[in-house]
């Protein structure tokens, strides 16, 4: 999955139905509202509620900083 994949426009968190952020090269989708990450295995997002993992507060802050840097990049490649 790449940052320009059209699938990203329709993927949603299975718990709150909100948008997810792709974080590369970690191959994961992140929901900052619920502090949950979902793995991408062999290019397939694992979006069952049981597939998600709650992240601790320190990890959440680190991921938010990455998301902020991604959103500020002019090319928006999703890699940091």
Protein backbone atom coordinates (compact mmCIF):
# COMPACT_ATOMS: atom_id res chain seq x y z
CA UNK A 1 0.00 0.00 0.00
CA UNK A 2 1.29 3.45 -0.90
CA UNK A 3 0.25 6.94 0.27
CA UNK A 4 -1.42 7.63 -3.10
CA UNK A 5 -3.41 4.37 -3.08
CA UNK A 6 -7.09 5.22 -3.76
CA UNK A 7 -8.08 2.56 -1.24
CA UNK A 8 -6.92 4.90 1.54
CA UNK A 9 -9.78 7.26 0.71
CA UNK A 10 -12.39 4.67 1.65
CA UNK A 11 -10.72 2.79 4.50
CA UNK A 12 -12.08 3.56 7.96
CA UNK A 13 -11.45 2.45 11.50
CA UNK A 14 -13.75 -0.45 12.34
CA UNK A 15 -14.50 1.05 15.76
CA UNK A 16 -15.26 4.74 15.17
CA UNK A 17 -15.64 4.65 11.35
CA UNK A 18 -13.26 7.60 11.04
CA UNK A 19 -10.29 8.02 8.67
CA UNK A 20 -6.97 6.29 9.19
CA UNK A 21 -3.46 7.55 8.52
CA UNK A 22 -0.95 5.41 6.63
CA UNK A 23 2.44 5.29 8.33
CA UNK A 24 5.29 3.96 6.25
CA UNK A 25 7.67 2.14 6.44
CA UNK A 26 5.90 0.61 9.47
CA UNK A 27 3.14 -0.77 7.24
CA UNK A 28 0.37 0.30 9.53
CA UNK A 29 -2.75 2.41 9.62
CA UNK A 30 -3.22 4.65 12.64
CA UNK A 31 -6.31 6.10 14.29
CA UNK A 32 -5.11 8.96 16.50
CA UNK A 33 -8.59 9.50 17.95
CA UNK A 34 -8.61 6.07 19.62
CA UNK A 35 -4.80 5.59 19.87
CA UNK A 36 -5.10 2.37 17.82
CA UNK A 37 -2.91 0.98 15.08
CA UNK A 38 -3.81 -1.65 12.51
CA UNK A 39 -1.20 -3.72 10.66
CA UNK A 40 -0.91 -4.10 6.89
CA UNK A 41 0.18 -7.65 6.07
CA UNK A 42 1.20 -8.54 2.53
CA UNK A 43 -0.42 -5.31 1.33
CA UNK A 44 -3.77 -6.08 3.00
CA UNK A 45 -5.01 -3.82 5.82
CA UNK A 46 -6.09 -5.86 8.84
CA UNK A 47 -9.13 -3.88 9.93
CA UNK A 48 -10.97 -6.24 12.22
CA UNK A 49 -11.45 -4.68 15.68
CA UNK A 50 -9.43 -7.55 17.17
CA UNK A 51 -6.52 -6.78 14.79
CA UNK A 52 -6.06 -3.31 16.21
CA UNK A 53 -3.61 -2.59 18.96
CA UNK A 54 -3.88 0.14 21.57
CA UNK A 55 -0.71 2.21 21.74
CA UNK A 56 0.66 3.71 24.96
CA UNK A 57 0.59 7.48 25.40
CA UNK A 58 4.31 7.94 24.66
CA UNK A 59 3.97 6.00 21.38
CA UNK A 60 0.84 8.01 20.51
CA UNK A 61 2.75 11.28 20.92
CA UNK A 62 5.58 9.97 18.71
CA UNK A 63 3.10 8.90 16.03
CA UNK A 64 1.30 12.27 16.16
CA UNK A 65 4.63 14.03 15.59
CA UNK A 66 5.24 11.82 12.53
CA UNK A 67 1.76 12.55 11.19
CA UNK A 68 2.34 16.28 11.63
CA UNK A 69 5.60 16.05 9.66
CA UNK A 70 3.90 14.03 6.91
CA UNK A 71 1.12 16.59 6.58
CA UNK A 72 3.64 19.43 6.35
CA UNK A 73 5.66 17.80 3.55
CA UNK A 74 4.92 19.28 0.14
CA UNK A 75 5.08 15.89 -1.61
CA UNK A 76 2.98 14.12 1.07
CA UNK A 77 4.71 10.82 0.43
CA UNK A 78 3.79 9.42 3.85
CA UNK A 79 7.35 8.37 4.62
CA UNK A 80 9.19 9.50 7.72
